[in-house]
Amino acid sequence: MSILVDRNSRVLVQGITGREGSFHTLRCIEYGTNVVAGVTPGRGGQKFGETDIDVYDTVAEAVRETSANVSLIFVPAPLAADAILESAAAGVALVVPIAEGIPPLDMVPVARTLEGSGTRMLGPNCPGLISPGERCKVGIMPGAIHTPGRVGVVSRSGTLTYEAVGQLSALGIGQSSCVGIGGDPVSGTTFVDVLRLFNDDPETDAVVLIGEIGGTKEQEAAEYIKAEMTKPVAALIVGQSAPPGKRMGHAGAIITGSAARAENKVAALRDAGASIIPSPADIGTTIQDVLGG
């Protein structure tokens, strides 16, 4: 009942001793996530708080000692690119940088380095991902609102991911995995990547996709849905009233051409066969109708 992470994932946290890193690491542990190590340069040899989790100076050392295969990154934006590359160099399979405000020019060489490297990046500027049935939370989302089930959620917006999950759970519709891909212009995992994983997951029956203005990721998702998706998709595009040239929330949520407009994205997804969610208030009821009530 999951993609990307499960109960066997071995998670290390970069920046585990910082304020945000400490707070969210404890929430992940409380949820059931298998956190095996922390990394803070200069803090090697310490324990994390009252736990038995060792803190290391480098990711390479943490991976060597604990076989960690997922890195949750709570490192300030100016240092985040180096933190991502450090995890990739250590052979970590999945890196999840949470930081907002990483300069796009910092991310260009990171994205190029990760191509074909065996390391998948989710984000940056994302809430992370969660698989409720596997009790694995790698990120900052509120675990309590999630329930195990068979609907996948993929979104560019963290807050709207929580809204979608809240509505689904209130209707008794559980989730297989919920994935926030982030809203930055230069990022890693795409809608298509996640849709492909959900399409191949035998325990996901339908998908909620939440997109926004800016870029062409939603049109690329529409092309995949039309050509290969075998499961129903309900899609919401936000930012329909945004004026051209004004950034709305995320760094990548800005209308820079006709393809970046909400109406063009909605049209592409509708043409691909996705069920269009009229507004954020209708996420739960739309997927309920898609599933046949």
C-alpha atoms as a PDB file:
ATOM      1  CA  MET A   1       0.000   0.000   0.000  1.00  0.00           C
ATOM      2  CA  SER A   2       2.768   2.439  -0.783  1.00  0.00           C
ATOM      3  CA  ILE A   3       5.202   3.898  -3.266  1.00  0.00           C
ATOM      4  CA  LEU A   4       8.739   5.195  -2.690  1.00  0.00           C
ATOM      5  CA  VAL A   5       8.840   4.485   1.073  1.00  0.00           C
ATOM      6  CA  ASP A   6       7.544   1.808   3.415  1.00  0.00           C
ATOM      7  CA  ARG A   7       8.082   0.428   6.911  1.00  0.00           C
ATOM      8  CA  ASN A   8      11.468  -0.951   5.853  1.00  0.00           C
ATOM      9  CA  SER A   9      12.834   2.407   4.692  1.00  0.00           C
ATOM     10  CA  ARG A  10      15.898   3.444   6.675  1.00  0.00           C
ATOM     11  CA  VAL A  11      15.755   7.216   7.118  1.00  0.00           C
ATOM     12  CA  LEU A  12      18.562   9.586   8.057  1.00  0.00           C
ATOM     13  CA  VAL A  13      17.923  13.230   8.837  1.00  0.00           C
ATOM     14  CA  GLN A  14      20.374  15.900   7.724  1.00  0.00           C
ATOM     15  CA  GLY A  15      20.184  18.837  10.125  1.00  0.00           C
ATOM     16  CA  ILE A  16      18.655  16.659  12.857  1.00  0.00           C
ATOM     17  CA  THR A  17      19.913  18.868  15.705  1.00  0.00           C
ATOM     18  CA  GLY A  18      18.418  22.098  14.364  1.00  0.00           C
ATOM     19  CA  ARG A  19      15.075  23.454  15.531  1.00  0.00           C
ATOM     20  CA  GLU A  20      13.022  22.290  12.542  1.00  0.00           C
ATOM     21  CA  GLY A  21      14.992  19.094  12.118  1.00  0.00           C
ATOM     22  CA  SER A  22      14.562  18.105  15.761  1.00  0.00           C
ATOM     23  CA  PHE A  23      10.846  18.901  15.873  1.00  0.00           C
ATOM     24  CA  HIS A  24       9.899  17.049  12.706  1.00  0.00           C
ATOM     25  CA  THR A  25      12.214  14.112  13.340  1.00  0.00           C
ATOM     26  CA  LEU A  26      10.359  13.447  16.583  1.00  0.00           C
ATOM     27  CA  ARG A  27       7.020  13.654  14.751  1.00  0.00           C
ATOM     28  CA  CYS A  28       8.271  11.145  12.167  1.00  0.00           C
ATOM     29  CA  ILE A  29       9.441   8.773  14.895  1.00  0.00           C
ATOM     30  CA  GLU A  30       6.119   9.090  16.723  1.00  0.00           C
ATOM     31  CA  TYR A  31       4.315   8.173  13.508  1.00  0.00           C
ATOM     32  CA  GLY A  32       6.374   5.006  13.187  1.00  0.00           C
ATOM     33  CA  THR A  33       9.087   5.996  10.707  1.00  0.00           C
ATOM     34  CA  ASN A  34      12.297   4.004  10.963  1.00  0.00           C
ATOM     35  CA  VAL A  35      14.759   6.871  11.585  1.00  0.00           C
ATOM     36  CA  VAL A  36      18.197   5.278  11.888  1.00  0.00           C
ATOM     37  CA  ALA A  37      20.612   8.222  11.923  1.00  0.00           C
ATOM     38  CA  GLY A  38      21.114  11.951  12.007  1.00  0.00           C
ATOM     39  CA  VAL A  39      23.786  14.107  10.404  1.00  0.00           C
ATOM     40  CA  THR A  40      25.090  17.428  11.715  1.00  0.00           C
ATOM     41  CA  PRO A  41      28.719  18.380  11.032  1.00  0.00           C
ATOM     42  CA  GLY A  42      30.564  18.807  14.317  1.00  0.00           C
ATOM     43  CA  ARG A  43      28.000  16.851  16.326  1.00  0.00           C
ATOM     44  CA  GLY A  44      29.264  13.391  15.478  1.00  0.00           C
ATOM     45  CA  GLY A  45      29.267  10.941  18.379  1.00  0.00           C
ATOM     46  CA  GLN A  46      26.213  12.452  20.072  1.00  0.00           C
ATOM     47  CA  LYS A  47      22.771  10.899  20.498  1.00  0.00           C
ATOM     48  CA  PHE A  48      19.663  12.646  19.199  1.00  0.00           C
ATOM     49  CA  GLY A  49      17.814  13.913  22.255  1.00  0.00           C
ATOM     50  CA  GLU A  50      16.531  11.116  24.478  1.00  0.00           C
ATOM     51  CA  THR A  51      16.635   8.536  21.685  1.00  0.00           C
ATOM     52  CA  ASP A  52      19.217   5.920  20.746  1.00  0.00           C
ATOM     53  CA  ILE A  53      19.704   7.511  17.314  1.00  0.00           C
ATOM     54  CA  ASP A  54      23.342   8.311  16.581  1.00  0.00           C
ATOM     55  CA  VAL A  55      24.372  11.645  15.075  1.00  0.00           C
ATOM     56  CA  TYR A  56      27.209  11.578  12.529  1.00  0.00           C
ATOM     57  CA  ASP A  57      29.416  14.263  11.019  1.00  0.00           C
ATOM     58  CA  THR A  58      28.857  13.117   7.427  1.00  0.00           C
ATOM     59  CA  VAL A  59      26.234  11.315   5.390  1.00  0.00           C
ATOM     60  CA  ALA A  60      28.834   8.854   4.113  1.00  0.00           C
ATOM     61  CA  GLU A  61      29.594   7.765   7.665  1.00  0.00           C
ATOM     62  CA  ALA A  62      25.900   7.500   8.553  1.00  0.00           C
ATOM     63  CA  VAL A  63      25.167   5.370   5.493  1.00  0.00           C
ATOM     64  CA  ARG A  64      28.159   3.151   6.141  1.00  0.00           C
ATOM     65  CA  GLU A  65      27.128   2.511   9.747  1.00  0.00           C
ATOM     66  CA  THR A  66      23.326   2.262   9.365  1.00  0.00           C
ATOM     67  CA  SER A  67      22.618   1.395   5.701  1.00  0.00           C
ATOM     68  CA  ALA A  68      20.278   4.408   5.479  1.00  0.00           C
ATOM     69  CA  ASN A  69      18.582   4.682   2.075  1.00  0.00           C
ATOM     70  CA  VAL A  70      16.392   7.792   2.507  1.00  0.00           C
ATOM     71  CA  SER A  71      17.566  11.264   3.498  1.00  0.00           C
ATOM     72  CA  LEU A  72      15.181  13.849   4.943  1.00  0.00           C
ATOM     73  CA  ILE A  73      16.949  17.196   4.653  1.00  0.00           C
ATOM     74  CA  PHE A  74      16.363  20.059   7.103  1.00  0.00           C
ATOM     75  CA  VAL A  75      19.250  22.261   6.012  1.00  0.00           C
ATOM     76  CA  PRO A  76      18.923  26.055   5.406  1.00  0.00           C
ATOM     77  CA  ALA A  77      18.354  27.035   1.794  1.00  0.00           C
ATOM     78  CA  PRO A  78      21.873  28.416   1.139  1.00  0.00           C
ATOM     79  CA  LEU A  79      23.408  25.064   2.143  1.00  0.00           C
ATOM     80  CA  ALA A  80      20.715  22.711   0.846  1.00  0.00           C
ATOM     81  CA  ALA A  81      22.222  22.043  -2.583  1.00  0.00           C
ATOM     82  CA  ASP A  82      25.455  20.779  -1.020  1.00  0.00           C
ATOM     83  CA  ALA A  83      23.457  18.626   1.414  1.00  0.00           C
ATOM     84  CA  ILE A  84      21.566  17.009  -1.464  1.00  0.00           C
ATOM     85  CA  LEU A  85      24.787  16.292  -3.334  1.00  0.00           C
ATOM     86  CA  GLU A  86      26.370  14.855  -0.198  1.00  0.00           C
ATOM     87  CA  SER A  87      23.567  12.317   0.123  1.00  0.00           C
ATOM     88  CA  ALA A  88      23.746  11.462  -3.563  1.00  0.00           C
ATOM     89  CA  ALA A  89      27.504  10.927  -3.331  1.00  0.00           C
ATOM     90  CA  ALA A  90      26.904   8.534  -0.423  1.00  0.00           C
ATOM     91  CA  GLY A  91      24.506   6.485  -2.544  1.00  0.00           C
ATOM     92  CA  VAL A  92      21.239   7.419  -0.807  1.00  0.00           C
ATOM     93  CA  ALA A  93      18.354   6.274  -3.031  1.00  0.00           C
ATOM     94  CA  LEU A  94      15.824   8.995  -2.110  1.00  0.00           C
ATOM     95  CA  VAL A  95      16.531  12.542  -0.901  1.00  0.00           C
ATOM     96  CA  VAL A  96      13.770  14.824   0.369  1.00  0.00           C
ATOM     97  CA  PRO A  97      14.884  18.461   0.821  1.00  0.00           C
ATOM     98  CA  ILE A  98      12.187  20.436   2.639  1.00  0.00           C
ATOM     99  CA  ALA A  99      13.750  23.922   2.449  1.00  0.00           C
ATOM    100  CA  GLU A 100      11.965  26.760   0.701  1.00  0.00           C
ATOM    101  CA  GLY A 101      13.924  29.463  -1.076  1.00  0.00           C
ATOM    102  CA  ILE A 102      16.790  27.437  -2.530  1.00  0.00           C
ATOM    103  CA  PRO A 103      18.108  29.561  -5.431  1.00  0.00           C
ATOM    104  CA  PRO A 104      17.124  27.949  -8.763  1.00  0.00           C
ATOM    105  CA  LEU A 105      20.688  28.464 -10.024  1.00  0.00           C
ATOM    106  CA  ASP A 106      21.894  26.308  -7.117  1.00  0.00           C
ATOM    107  CA  MET A 107      19.521  23.556  -8.177  1.00  0.00           C
ATOM    108  CA  VAL A 108      20.516  23.440 -11.858  1.00  0.00           C
ATOM    109  CA  PRO A 109      23.841  21.635 -11.281  1.00  0.00           C
ATOM    110  CA  VAL A 110      22.168  19.449  -8.640  1.00  0.00           C
ATOM    111  CA  ALA A 111      19.503  18.311 -11.113  1.00  0.00           C
ATOM    112  CA  ARG A 112      22.166  17.590 -13.729  1.00  0.00           C
ATOM    113  CA  THR A 113      24.279  15.631 -11.266  1.00  0.00           C
ATOM    114  CA  LEU A 114      21.330  13.486 -10.149  1.00  0.00           C
ATOM    115  CA  GLU A 115      20.416  12.482 -13.718  1.00  0.00           C
ATOM    116  CA  GLY A 116      21.239   8.804 -14.046  1.00  0.00           C
ATOM    117  CA  SER A 117      22.861   8.726 -10.598  1.00  0.00           C
ATOM    118  CA  GLY A 118      20.514   6.270  -8.923  1.00  0.00           C
ATOM    119  CA  THR A 119      19.375   8.971  -6.481  1.00  0.00           C
ATOM    120  CA  ARG A 120      15.816  10.297  -6.740  1.00  0.00           C
ATOM    121  CA  MET A 121      15.080  13.783  -5.394  1.00  0.00           C
ATOM    122  CA  LEU A 122      11.641  14.784  -4.155  1.00  0.00           C
ATOM    123  CA  GLY A 123      11.326  18.563  -4.068  1.00  0.00           C
ATOM    124  CA  PRO A 124      12.861  20.881  -3.015  1.00  0.00           C
ATOM    125  CA  ASN A 125      10.336  23.122  -1.266  1.00  0.00           C
ATOM    126  CA  CYS A 126       8.046  20.182  -0.614  1.00  0.00           C
ATOM    127  CA  PRO A 127       6.250  18.647   2.390  1.00  0.00           C
ATOM    128  CA  GLY A 128       7.706  15.202   1.697  1.00  0.00           C
ATOM    129  CA  LEU A 129       5.725  11.962   1.449  1.00  0.00           C
ATOM    130  CA  ILE A 130       3.786   9.569   3.624  1.00  0.00           C
ATOM    131  CA  SER A 131       2.480   6.014   3.324  1.00  0.00           C
ATOM    132  CA  PRO A 132      -0.187   5.600   6.015  1.00  0.00           C
ATOM    133  CA  GLY A 133      -0.543   1.819   5.765  1.00  0.00           C
ATOM    134  CA  GLU A 134       3.196   1.441   6.226  1.00  0.00           C
ATOM    135  CA  ARG A 135       3.401   3.960   9.084  1.00  0.00           C
ATOM    136  CA  CYS A 136       6.178   5.795   7.265  1.00  0.00           C
ATOM    137  CA  LYS A 137       6.266   9.610   7.201  1.00  0.00           C
ATOM    138  CA  VAL A 138       9.219  11.379   5.605  1.00  0.00           C
ATOM    139  CA  GLY A 139       8.397  15.054   5.853  1.00  0.00           C
ATOM    140  CA  ILE A 140       6.375  17.687   7.667  1.00  0.00           C
ATOM    141  CA  MET A 141       2.778  16.672   6.964  1.00  0.00           C
ATOM    142  CA  PRO A 142       0.407  16.085   9.918  1.00  0.00           C
ATOM    143  CA  GLY A 143       0.321  12.309  10.242  1.00  0.00           C
ATOM    144  CA  ALA A 144      -2.918  12.166  12.228  1.00  0.00           C
ATOM    145  CA  ILE A 145      -5.159  13.140   9.296  1.00  0.00           C
ATOM    146  CA  HIS A 146      -3.979  10.276   7.083  1.00  0.00           C
ATOM    147  CA  THR A 147      -5.696   6.891   6.930  1.00  0.00           C
ATOM    148  CA  PRO A 148      -4.607   3.735   5.080  1.00  0.00           C
ATOM    149  CA  GLY A 149      -6.412   3.061   1.838  1.00  0.00           C
ATOM    150  CA  ARG A 150      -6.245   2.846  -1.925  1.00  0.00           C
ATOM    151  CA  VAL A 151      -6.203   6.431  -3.266  1.00  0.00           C
ATOM    152  CA  GLY A 152      -2.898   8.059  -4.189  1.00  0.00           C
ATOM    153  CA  VAL A 153      -2.328  11.796  -3.842  1.00  0.00           C
ATOM    154  CA  VAL A 154       0.309  13.814  -5.698  1.00  0.00           C
ATOM    155  CA  SER A 155       0.544  17.581  -5.406  1.00  0.00           C
ATOM    156  CA  ARG A 156       2.692  20.645  -6.001  1.00  0.00           C
ATOM    157  CA  SER A 157       1.150  22.281  -2.923  1.00  0.00           C
ATOM    158  CA  GLY A 158       1.808  21.125   0.618  1.00  0.00           C
ATOM    159  CA  THR A 159      -1.194  22.836   2.183  1.00  0.00           C
ATOM    160  CA  LEU A 160      -3.587  21.549  -0.453  1.00  0.00           C
ATOM    161  CA  THR A 161      -2.203  18.061   0.037  1.00  0.00           C
ATOM    162  CA  TYR A 162      -3.321  18.253   3.663  1.00  0.00           C
ATOM    163  CA  GLU A 163      -6.694  19.644   2.590  1.00  0.00           C
ATOM    164  CA  ALA A 164      -7.172  16.802   0.122  1.00  0.00           C
ATOM    165  CA  VAL A 165      -6.224  14.184   2.700  1.00  0.00           C
ATOM    166  CA  GLY A 166      -8.496  15.736   5.319  1.00  0.00           C
ATOM    167  CA  GLN A 167     -11.456  15.558   2.963  1.00  0.00           C
ATOM    168  CA  LEU A 168     -10.682  12.019   1.851  1.00  0.00           C
ATOM    169  CA  SER A 169     -10.284  10.720   5.393  1.00  0.00           C
ATOM    170  CA  ALA A 170     -13.502  12.451   6.497  1.00  0.00           C
ATOM    171  CA  LEU A 171     -15.342  10.520   3.774  1.00  0.00           C
ATOM    172  CA  GLY A 172     -13.749   7.246   4.784  1.00  0.00           C
ATOM    173  CA  ILE A 173     -11.430   7.189   1.761  1.00  0.00           C
ATOM    174  CA  GLY A 174      -7.942   6.079   2.769  1.00  0.00           C
ATOM    175  CA  GLN A 175      -4.684   6.827   1.018  1.00  0.00           C
ATOM    176  CA  SER A 176      -2.010   4.487  -0.333  1.00  0.00           C
ATOM    177  CA  SER A 177       0.691   7.189  -0.466  1.00  0.00           C
ATOM    178  CA  CYS A 178       0.654  10.988  -0.535  1.00  0.00           C
ATOM    179  CA  VAL A 179       3.513  12.699  -2.341  1.00  0.00           C
ATOM    180  CA  GLY A 180       4.363  16.408  -2.440  1.00  0.00           C
ATOM    181  CA  ILE A 181       6.608  17.120  -5.409  1.00  0.00           C
ATOM    182  CA  GLY A 182       7.196  20.787  -4.558  1.00  0.00           C
ATOM    183  CA  GLY A 183       6.577  23.971  -6.458  1.00  0.00           C
ATOM    184  CA  ASP A 184      10.047  25.175  -7.441  1.00  0.00           C
ATOM    185  CA  PRO A 185      10.943  25.695 -11.120  1.00  0.00           C
ATOM    186  CA  VAL A 186      13.963  23.366 -10.896  1.00  0.00           C
ATOM    187  CA  SER A 187      12.990  20.205  -9.075  1.00  0.00           C
ATOM    188  CA  GLY A 188      13.337  16.447  -9.099  1.00  0.00           C
ATOM    189  CA  THR A 189      10.470  13.957  -9.201  1.00  0.00           C
ATOM    190  CA  THR A 190       7.631  15.021 -11.512  1.00  0.00           C
ATOM    191  CA  PHE A 191       3.908  14.351 -11.773  1.00  0.00           C
ATOM    192  CA  VAL A 192       4.643  11.797 -14.482  1.00  0.00           C
ATOM    193  CA  ASP A 193       7.138   9.966 -12.285  1.00  0.00           C
ATOM    194  CA  VAL A 194       4.621   9.633  -9.462  1.00  0.00           C
ATOM    195  CA  LEU A 195       1.694   8.791 -11.732  1.00  0.00           C
ATOM    196  CA  ARG A 196       3.748   5.990 -13.244  1.00  0.00           C
ATOM    197  CA  LEU A 197       4.469   4.599  -9.781  1.00  0.00           C
ATOM    198  CA  PHE A 198       0.800   4.763  -8.801  1.00  0.00           C
ATOM    199  CA  ASN A 199      -0.212   3.176 -12.099  1.00  0.00           C
ATOM    200  CA  ASP A 200       2.088   0.244 -11.370  1.00  0.00           C
ATOM    201  CA  ASP A 201       1.002  -0.087  -7.731  1.00  0.00           C
ATOM    202  CA  PRO A 202      -1.612  -2.861  -7.448  1.00  0.00           C
ATOM    203  CA  GLU A 203      -2.938  -1.350  -4.217  1.00  0.00           C
ATOM    204  CA  THR A 204      -3.735   2.098  -5.629  1.00  0.00           C
ATOM    205  CA  ASP A 205      -7.147   2.343  -7.325  1.00  0.00           C
ATOM    206  CA  ALA A 206      -7.316   6.054  -8.197  1.00  0.00           C
ATOM    207  CA  VAL A 207      -5.230   9.223  -7.950  1.00  0.00           C
ATOM    208  CA  VAL A 208      -5.832  12.810  -6.878  1.00  0.00           C
ATOM    209  CA  LEU A 209      -3.531  15.241  -8.721  1.00  0.00           C
ATOM    210  CA  ILE A 210      -3.206  18.836  -7.503  1.00  0.00           C
ATOM    211  CA  GLY A 211      -1.433  21.261  -9.806  1.00  0.00           C
ATOM    212  CA  GLU A 212      -1.089  24.996 -10.115  1.00  0.00           C
ATOM    213  CA  ILE A 213      -0.134  27.746 -12.513  1.00  0.00           C
ATOM    214  CA  GLY A 214       3.375  27.940 -13.923  1.00  0.00           C
ATOM    215  CA  GLY A 215       5.423  25.622 -16.091  1.00  0.00           C
ATOM    216  CA  THR A 216       4.136  22.671 -18.076  1.00  0.00           C
ATOM    217  CA  LYS A 217       4.274  19.806 -15.557  1.00  0.00           C
ATOM    218  CA  GLU A 218       0.506  19.407 -15.625  1.00  0.00           C
ATOM    219  CA  GLN A 219       0.442  19.180 -19.422  1.00  0.00           C
ATOM    220  CA  GLU A 220       3.149  16.519 -19.259  1.00  0.00           C
ATOM    221  CA  ALA A 221       0.997  14.669 -16.732  1.00  0.00           C
ATOM    222  CA  ALA A 222      -1.966  14.947 -19.086  1.00  0.00           C
ATOM    223  CA  GLU A 223       0.027  13.388 -21.906  1.00  0.00           C
ATOM    224  CA  TYR A 224       0.962  10.458 -19.677  1.00  0.00           C
ATOM    225  CA  ILE A 225      -2.615  10.043 -18.428  1.00  0.00           C
ATOM    226  CA  LYS A 226      -3.927   9.974 -21.981  1.00  0.00           C
ATOM    227  CA  ALA A 227      -1.305   7.577 -23.292  1.00  0.00           C
ATOM    228  CA  GLU A 228      -0.671   5.154 -20.427  1.00  0.00           C
ATOM    229  CA  MET A 229      -2.684   5.709 -17.242  1.00  0.00           C
ATOM    230  CA  THR A 230      -5.062   2.830 -16.562  1.00  0.00           C
ATOM    231  CA  LYS A 231      -6.517   4.207 -13.320  1.00  0.00           C
ATOM    232  CA  PRO A 232      -8.890   7.159 -12.872  1.00  0.00           C
ATOM    233  CA  VAL A 233      -7.382  10.547 -12.041  1.00  0.00           C
ATOM    234  CA  ALA A 234      -9.178  13.492 -10.449  1.00  0.00           C
ATOM    235  CA  ALA A 235      -7.304  16.762 -11.000  1.00  0.00           C
ATOM    236  CA  LEU A 236      -7.434  20.196  -9.387  1.00  0.00           C
ATOM    237  CA  ILE A 237      -5.594  23.212 -10.804  1.00  0.00           C
ATOM    238  CA  VAL A 238      -5.326  26.232  -8.533  1.00  0.00           C
ATOM    239  CA  GLY A 239      -4.418  29.820  -9.343  1.00  0.00           C
ATOM    240  CA  GLN A 240      -7.149  30.449 -11.900  1.00  0.00           C
ATOM    241  CA  SER A 241      -7.450  34.097 -10.893  1.00  0.00           C
ATOM    242  CA  ALA A 242      -3.699  34.788 -10.823  1.00  0.00           C
ATOM    243  CA  PRO A 243      -2.502  37.700 -13.006  1.00  0.00           C
ATOM    244  CA  PRO A 244       0.330  37.090 -15.497  1.00  0.00           C
ATOM    245  CA  GLY A 245       3.821  37.786 -14.163  1.00  0.00           C
ATOM    246  CA  LYS A 246       2.882  37.657 -10.473  1.00  0.00           C
ATOM    247  CA  ARG A 247       4.243  34.776  -8.441  1.00  0.00           C
ATOM    248  CA  MET A 248       1.529  33.046  -6.430  1.00  0.00           C
ATOM    249  CA  GLY A 249       3.018  31.170  -3.462  1.00  0.00           C
ATOM    250  CA  HIS A 250       5.641  28.896  -4.988  1.00  0.00           C
ATOM    251  CA  ALA A 251       8.651  30.079  -6.943  1.00  0.00           C
ATOM    252  CA  GLY A 252       7.428  28.118  -9.951  1.00  0.00           C
ATOM    253  CA  ALA A 253       3.822  29.289  -9.711  1.00  0.00           C
ATOM    254  CA  ILE A 254       4.003  32.195 -12.118  1.00  0.00           C
ATOM    255  CA  ILE A 255       2.335  32.720 -15.485  1.00  0.00           C
ATOM    256  CA  THR A 256       5.058  33.259 -18.066  1.00  0.00           C
ATOM    257  CA  GLY A 257       3.157  32.143 -21.176  1.00  0.00           C
ATOM    258  CA  SER A 258      -0.153  30.662 -22.282  1.00  0.00           C
ATOM    259  CA  ALA A 259       0.843  27.111 -21.308  1.00  0.00           C
ATOM    260  CA  ALA A 260       1.382  28.240 -17.719  1.00  0.00           C
ATOM    261  CA  ARG A 261      -2.215  29.411 -17.338  1.00  0.00           C
ATOM    262  CA  ALA A 262      -4.676  27.420 -15.247  1.00  0.00           C
ATOM    263  CA  GLU A 263      -7.230  27.163 -18.050  1.00  0.00           C
ATOM    264  CA  ASN A 264      -4.707  25.580 -20.410  1.00  0.00           C
ATOM    265  CA  LYS A 265      -3.758  23.007 -17.799  1.00  0.00           C
ATOM    266  CA  VAL A 266      -7.403  22.208 -17.034  1.00  0.00           C
ATOM    267  CA  ALA A 267      -8.143  21.789 -20.735  1.00  0.00           C
ATOM    268  CA  ALA A 268      -5.204  19.422 -21.213  1.00  0.00           C
ATOM    269  CA  LEU A 269      -6.192  17.274 -18.251  1.00  0.00           C
ATOM    270  CA  ARG A 270      -9.855  17.188 -19.243  1.00  0.00           C
ATOM    271  CA  ASP A 271      -8.890  16.160 -22.779  1.00  0.00           C
ATOM    272  CA  ALA A 272      -6.747  13.397 -21.292  1.00  0.00           C
ATOM    273  CA  GLY A 273      -9.754  11.954 -19.480  1.00  0.00           C
ATOM    274  CA  ALA A 274      -9.113  13.229 -15.966  1.00  0.00           C
ATOM    275  CA  SER A 275     -12.089  14.245 -13.841  1.00  0.00           C
ATOM    276  CA  ILE A 276     -11.724  17.962 -13.117  1.00  0.00           C
ATOM    277  CA  ILE A 277     -12.196  19.015  -9.502  1.00  0.00           C
ATOM    278  CA  PRO A 278     -14.113  22.345  -9.589  1.00  0.00           C
ATOM    279  CA  SER A 279     -12.599  23.866  -6.425  1.00  0.00           C
ATOM    280  CA  PRO A 280     -10.484  22.900  -3.398  1.00  0.00           C
ATOM    281  CA  ALA A 281     -13.713  22.287  -1.458  1.00  0.00           C
ATOM    282  CA  ASP A 282     -14.718  19.532  -3.903  1.00  0.00           C
ATOM    283  CA  ILE A 283     -11.662  17.271  -3.743  1.00  0.00           C
ATOM    284  CA  GLY A 284     -13.220  14.586  -1.579  1.00  0.00           C
ATOM    285  CA  THR A 285     -16.616  14.464  -3.225  1.00  0.00           C
ATOM    286  CA  THR A 286     -15.107  14.387  -6.715  1.00  0.00           C
ATOM    287  CA  ILE A 287     -12.916  11.379  -5.995  1.00  0.00           C
ATOM    288  CA  GLN A 288     -15.877   9.786  -4.219  1.00  0.00           C
ATOM    289  CA  ASP A 289     -17.860  10.089  -7.459  1.00  0.00           C
ATOM    290  CA  VAL A 290     -14.906   8.745  -9.428  1.00  0.00           C
ATOM    291  CA  LEU A 291     -14.828   5.688  -7.179  1.00  0.00           C
ATOM    292  CA  GLY A 292     -18.533   5.146  -7.665  1.00  0.00           C
ATOM    293  CA  GLY A 293     -19.842   6.661  -4.447  1.00  0.00           C
END
